[in-house]
């Protein structure tokens, strides 16, 4: 079986940045399961996995454009401190969800004054070139439900109704 649209794929992976620092890895954990063709994983990696088979090992370099996007200065801005609950202890490095015109977005606090909080709406990995080392563990057909929802349902649930 090969990886094509609508197959559920289980991969073992290690993700490093351009400096070789490990950012994320499935090591010591269950493999990552995703649905091919549903943008569950970054575009650059999904494209490279197309057509691969179980046991294949690929090393993929993904540019920011095909990964988590380029760093966008326009997503950084100051908001009045009073927009936050007054008893909230705000610190640089905190992340939280914010309502934006584009829907709910994760933002991180990058600066603080008495009156303003500077937030950054870029993905933490925006602008990073991603180095993936991926081994394909398993490929299976997606269930009707998974196709309908556009993502994988966790393994080991009881499917016998």
C-alpha atoms as a PDB file:
ATOM      1  CA  UNK A   1       0.000   0.000   0.000  1.00  0.00           C
ATOM      2  CA  UNK A   2       1.301   3.457  -0.759  1.00  0.00           C
ATOM      3  CA  UNK A   3       0.500   6.846   0.708  1.00  0.00           C
ATOM      4  CA  UNK A   4      -2.177   8.506  -1.389  1.00  0.00           C
ATOM      5  CA  UNK A   5      -5.102  10.845  -0.750  1.00  0.00           C
ATOM      6  CA  UNK A   6      -7.385   9.671   2.100  1.00  0.00           C
ATOM      7  CA  UNK A   7      -5.023   7.069   3.541  1.00  0.00           C
ATOM      8  CA  UNK A   8      -4.333   7.156   7.252  1.00  0.00           C
ATOM      9  CA  UNK A   9      -0.586   7.177   7.771  1.00  0.00           C
ATOM     10  CA  UNK A  10       1.381   6.555  10.960  1.00  0.00           C
ATOM     11  CA  UNK A  11       4.832   8.105  11.020  1.00  0.00           C
ATOM     12  CA  UNK A  12       7.738   8.223  13.419  1.00  0.00           C
ATOM     13  CA  UNK A  13       9.403  11.572  13.074  1.00  0.00           C
ATOM     14  CA  UNK A  14      11.988  13.945  14.410  1.00  0.00           C
ATOM     15  CA  UNK A  15      11.773  17.632  13.580  1.00  0.00           C
ATOM     16  CA  UNK A  16      14.838  19.850  13.866  1.00  0.00           C
ATOM     17  CA  UNK A  17      15.402  23.497  13.088  1.00  0.00           C
ATOM     18  CA  UNK A  18      18.130  24.820  10.789  1.00  0.00           C
ATOM     19  CA  UNK A  19      20.615  24.766  13.694  1.00  0.00           C
ATOM     20  CA  UNK A  20      19.976  21.056  14.249  1.00  0.00           C
ATOM     21  CA  UNK A  21      18.092  21.515  17.527  1.00  0.00           C
ATOM     22  CA  UNK A  22      15.272  19.003  18.036  1.00  0.00           C
ATOM     23  CA  UNK A  23      11.956  20.882  18.137  1.00  0.00           C
ATOM     24  CA  UNK A  24       9.608  17.933  18.187  1.00  0.00           C
ATOM     25  CA  UNK A  25       9.826  14.171  17.989  1.00  0.00           C
ATOM     26  CA  UNK A  26       7.590  11.135  18.314  1.00  0.00           C
ATOM     27  CA  UNK A  27      10.427   9.174  19.903  1.00  0.00           C
ATOM     28  CA  UNK A  28       9.345   7.383  23.055  1.00  0.00           C
ATOM     29  CA  UNK A  29       5.776   8.148  22.074  1.00  0.00           C
ATOM     30  CA  UNK A  30       3.198   6.626  19.764  1.00  0.00           C
ATOM     31  CA  UNK A  31       3.717   7.440  16.078  1.00  0.00           C
ATOM     32  CA  UNK A  32       1.877  10.439  14.707  1.00  0.00           C
ATOM     33  CA  UNK A  33      -1.231   9.478  12.748  1.00  0.00           C
ATOM     34  CA  UNK A  34      -2.521  11.796  10.055  1.00  0.00           C
ATOM     35  CA  UNK A  35      -4.882  11.742   7.079  1.00  0.00           C
ATOM     36  CA  UNK A  36      -3.087  12.271   3.745  1.00  0.00           C
ATOM     37  CA  UNK A  37      -4.526  15.123   1.691  1.00  0.00           C
ATOM     38  CA  UNK A  38      -6.324  16.824   4.586  1.00  0.00           C
ATOM     39  CA  UNK A  39      -3.617  19.293   5.601  1.00  0.00           C
ATOM     40  CA  UNK A  40      -3.233  17.661   9.040  1.00  0.00           C
ATOM     41  CA  UNK A  41       0.531  18.146   8.691  1.00  0.00           C
ATOM     42  CA  UNK A  42       2.583  20.874   7.031  1.00  0.00           C
ATOM     43  CA  UNK A  43       2.193  21.019   3.245  1.00  0.00           C
ATOM     44  CA  UNK A  44       5.843  20.459   2.410  1.00  0.00           C
ATOM     45  CA  UNK A  45       5.985  17.216   4.364  1.00  0.00           C
ATOM     46  CA  UNK A  46       2.622  15.924   3.146  1.00  0.00           C
ATOM     47  CA  UNK A  47       3.717  16.399  -0.462  1.00  0.00           C
ATOM     48  CA  UNK A  48       6.958  14.477   0.064  1.00  0.00           C
ATOM     49  CA  UNK A  49       5.180  11.561   1.749  1.00  0.00           C
ATOM     50  CA  UNK A  50       2.859  11.042  -1.232  1.00  0.00           C
ATOM     51  CA  UNK A  51       3.611   7.680  -2.871  1.00  0.00           C
ATOM     52  CA  UNK A  52       5.818   6.356  -0.052  1.00  0.00           C
ATOM     53  CA  UNK A  53       5.478   2.860   1.465  1.00  0.00           C
ATOM     54  CA  UNK A  54       5.757   1.330   4.932  1.00  0.00           C
ATOM     55  CA  UNK A  55       9.382   1.264   6.058  1.00  0.00           C
ATOM     56  CA  UNK A  56      10.402   4.174   3.845  1.00  0.00           C
ATOM     57  CA  UNK A  57      12.585   6.727   5.557  1.00  0.00           C
ATOM     58  CA  UNK A  58      12.707  10.246   4.163  1.00  0.00           C
ATOM     59  CA  UNK A  59      14.536  13.370   5.132  1.00  0.00           C
ATOM     60  CA  UNK A  60      12.680  16.492   4.103  1.00  0.00           C
ATOM     61  CA  UNK A  61      13.652  20.138   4.334  1.00  0.00           C
ATOM     62  CA  UNK A  62      10.535  22.297   4.438  1.00  0.00           C
ATOM     63  CA  UNK A  63      10.728  26.023   3.738  1.00  0.00           C
ATOM     64  CA  UNK A  64       8.671  28.419   5.879  1.00  0.00           C
ATOM     65  CA  UNK A  65       6.262  28.906   2.943  1.00  0.00           C
ATOM     66  CA  UNK A  66       5.488  25.173   2.986  1.00  0.00           C
ATOM     67  CA  UNK A  67       5.699  24.955   6.765  1.00  0.00           C
ATOM     68  CA  UNK A  68       4.278  27.305   9.366  1.00  0.00           C
ATOM     69  CA  UNK A  69       4.451  30.432   7.235  1.00  0.00           C
ATOM     70  CA  UNK A  70       6.912  33.276   6.999  1.00  0.00           C
ATOM     71  CA  UNK A  71       7.293  35.574   9.957  1.00  0.00           C
ATOM     72  CA  UNK A  72       4.793  38.386   9.516  1.00  0.00           C
ATOM     73  CA  UNK A  73       5.533  41.662  11.301  1.00  0.00           C
ATOM     74  CA  UNK A  74       1.895  42.699  10.810  1.00  0.00           C
ATOM     75  CA  UNK A  75       0.863  39.999  13.291  1.00  0.00           C
ATOM     76  CA  UNK A  76       2.775  41.727  16.057  1.00  0.00           C
ATOM     77  CA  UNK A  77       0.969  44.536  17.834  1.00  0.00           C
ATOM     78  CA  UNK A  78       0.352  46.285  21.107  1.00  0.00           C
ATOM     79  CA  UNK A  79      -3.003  46.004  22.840  1.00  0.00           C
ATOM     80  CA  UNK A  80      -4.166  48.085  25.805  1.00  0.00           C
ATOM     81  CA  UNK A  81      -3.540  46.342  29.082  1.00  0.00           C
ATOM     82  CA  UNK A  82      -7.164  46.871  30.160  1.00  0.00           C
ATOM     83  CA  UNK A  83      -8.250  44.409  27.477  1.00  0.00           C
ATOM     84  CA  UNK A  84      -6.941  41.718  29.790  1.00  0.00           C
ATOM     85  CA  UNK A  85      -8.561  40.779  33.064  1.00  0.00           C
ATOM     86  CA  UNK A  86      -7.025  42.955  35.740  1.00  0.00           C
ATOM     87  CA  UNK A  87      -6.147  40.041  38.020  1.00  0.00           C
ATOM     88  CA  UNK A  88      -4.386  38.238  35.197  1.00  0.00           C
ATOM     89  CA  UNK A  89      -0.681  37.857  35.764  1.00  0.00           C
ATOM     90  CA  UNK A  90       0.753  38.592  32.333  1.00  0.00           C
ATOM     91  CA  UNK A  91       4.318  37.599  31.569  1.00  0.00           C
ATOM     92  CA  UNK A  92       6.486  37.641  28.463  1.00  0.00           C
ATOM     93  CA  UNK A  93       6.441  34.194  26.862  1.00  0.00           C
ATOM     94  CA  UNK A  94       2.855  33.388  27.826  1.00  0.00           C
ATOM     95  CA  UNK A  95       0.603  32.116  25.070  1.00  0.00           C
ATOM     96  CA  UNK A  96      -3.152  32.322  24.926  1.00  0.00           C
ATOM     97  CA  UNK A  97      -6.020  32.312  22.479  1.00  0.00           C
ATOM     98  CA  UNK A  98      -7.224  35.575  21.072  1.00  0.00           C
ATOM     99  CA  UNK A  99     -10.275  36.361  18.987  1.00  0.00           C
ATOM    100  CA  UNK A 100      -9.246  37.958  15.698  1.00  0.00           C
ATOM    101  CA  UNK A 101     -10.967  38.741  12.417  1.00  0.00           C
ATOM    102  CA  UNK A 102      -9.572  35.444  11.158  1.00  0.00           C
ATOM    103  CA  UNK A 103     -11.069  33.507  14.047  1.00  0.00           C
ATOM    104  CA  UNK A 104      -9.348  32.231  17.174  1.00  0.00           C
ATOM    105  CA  UNK A 105      -5.600  32.483  17.006  1.00  0.00           C
ATOM    106  CA  UNK A 106      -2.780  31.575  19.366  1.00  0.00           C
ATOM    107  CA  UNK A 107      -0.750  34.607  20.335  1.00  0.00           C
ATOM    108  CA  UNK A 108       2.276  34.941  22.551  1.00  0.00           C
ATOM    109  CA  UNK A 109       3.257  37.868  24.731  1.00  0.00           C
ATOM    110  CA  UNK A 110       6.515  39.407  23.529  1.00  0.00           C
ATOM    111  CA  UNK A 111       6.566  42.709  25.415  1.00  0.00           C
ATOM    112  CA  UNK A 112       5.004  44.460  28.394  1.00  0.00           C
ATOM    113  CA  UNK A 113       4.595  47.953  29.785  1.00  0.00           C
ATOM    114  CA  UNK A 114       2.186  49.278  32.413  1.00  0.00           C
ATOM    115  CA  UNK A 115      -0.264  50.333  29.735  1.00  0.00           C
ATOM    116  CA  UNK A 116       0.328  47.950  26.855  1.00  0.00           C
ATOM    117  CA  UNK A 117       0.875  44.311  26.089  1.00  0.00           C
ATOM    118  CA  UNK A 118       2.714  43.474  22.873  1.00  0.00           C
ATOM    119  CA  UNK A 119       1.504  40.248  21.341  1.00  0.00           C
ATOM    120  CA  UNK A 120       2.769  38.172  18.431  1.00  0.00           C
ATOM    121  CA  UNK A 121       0.286  36.144  16.381  1.00  0.00           C
ATOM    122  CA  UNK A 122       2.917  34.296  14.370  1.00  0.00           C
ATOM    123  CA  UNK A 123       3.152  30.524  14.830  1.00  0.00           C
ATOM    124  CA  UNK A 124       6.155  29.800  17.101  1.00  0.00           C
ATOM    125  CA  UNK A 125       7.780  28.059  14.129  1.00  0.00           C
ATOM    126  CA  UNK A 126       6.950  30.768  11.580  1.00  0.00           C
ATOM    127  CA  UNK A 127       9.983  31.675   9.511  1.00  0.00           C
ATOM    128  CA  UNK A 128      11.782  28.465  10.482  1.00  0.00           C
ATOM    129  CA  UNK A 129      13.154  26.038   7.926  1.00  0.00           C
ATOM    130  CA  UNK A 130      12.032  22.636   9.155  1.00  0.00           C
ATOM    131  CA  UNK A 131      14.183  19.508   8.895  1.00  0.00           C
ATOM    132  CA  UNK A 132      12.077  16.364   9.143  1.00  0.00           C
ATOM    133  CA  UNK A 133      13.378  12.824   9.454  1.00  0.00           C
ATOM    134  CA  UNK A 134      10.387  10.558   8.943  1.00  0.00           C
ATOM    135  CA  UNK A 135       9.834   6.801   8.863  1.00  0.00           C
ATOM    136  CA  UNK A 136       6.528   5.427   7.626  1.00  0.00           C
ATOM    137  CA  UNK A 137       5.218   2.889  10.172  1.00  0.00           C
ATOM    138  CA  UNK A 138       1.800   1.999   8.892  1.00  0.00           C
ATOM    139  CA  UNK A 139      -0.687   2.879   6.157  1.00  0.00           C
ATOM    140  CA  UNK A 140      -4.368   2.028   6.248  1.00  0.00           C
ATOM    141  CA  UNK A 141      -7.631   3.064   4.673  1.00  0.00           C
ATOM    142  CA  UNK A 142      -9.444   5.844   6.471  1.00  0.00           C
ATOM    143  CA  UNK A 143     -12.872   5.109   7.903  1.00  0.00           C
ATOM    144  CA  UNK A 144     -15.961   6.934   6.635  1.00  0.00           C
ATOM    145  CA  UNK A 145     -16.020   8.921   9.848  1.00  0.00           C
ATOM    146  CA  UNK A 146     -12.385   9.974   9.533  1.00  0.00           C
ATOM    147  CA  UNK A 147     -12.932  11.137   5.969  1.00  0.00           C
ATOM    148  CA  UNK A 148     -16.001  13.059   7.052  1.00  0.00           C
ATOM    149  CA  UNK A 149     -14.132  14.773   9.892  1.00  0.00           C
ATOM    150  CA  UNK A 150     -10.913  15.272   7.945  1.00  0.00           C
ATOM    151  CA  UNK A 151      -8.644  13.851  10.636  1.00  0.00           C
ATOM    152  CA  UNK A 152      -7.708  10.582  12.308  1.00  0.00           C
ATOM    153  CA  UNK A 153      -9.649   9.224  15.253  1.00  0.00           C
ATOM    154  CA  UNK A 154      -7.461   7.862  17.999  1.00  0.00           C
ATOM    155  CA  UNK A 155      -6.541   4.219  17.844  1.00  0.00           C
ATOM    156  CA  UNK A 156      -7.923   1.691  20.248  1.00  0.00           C
ATOM    157  CA  UNK A 157     -11.506   2.916  20.560  1.00  0.00           C
ATOM    158  CA  UNK A 158     -14.202   0.309  20.464  1.00  0.00           C
ATOM    159  CA  UNK A 159     -15.630   0.249  16.948  1.00  0.00           C
ATOM    160  CA  UNK A 160     -18.014  -2.675  17.461  1.00  0.00           C
ATOM    161  CA  UNK A 161     -21.452  -1.185  17.881  1.00  0.00           C
END
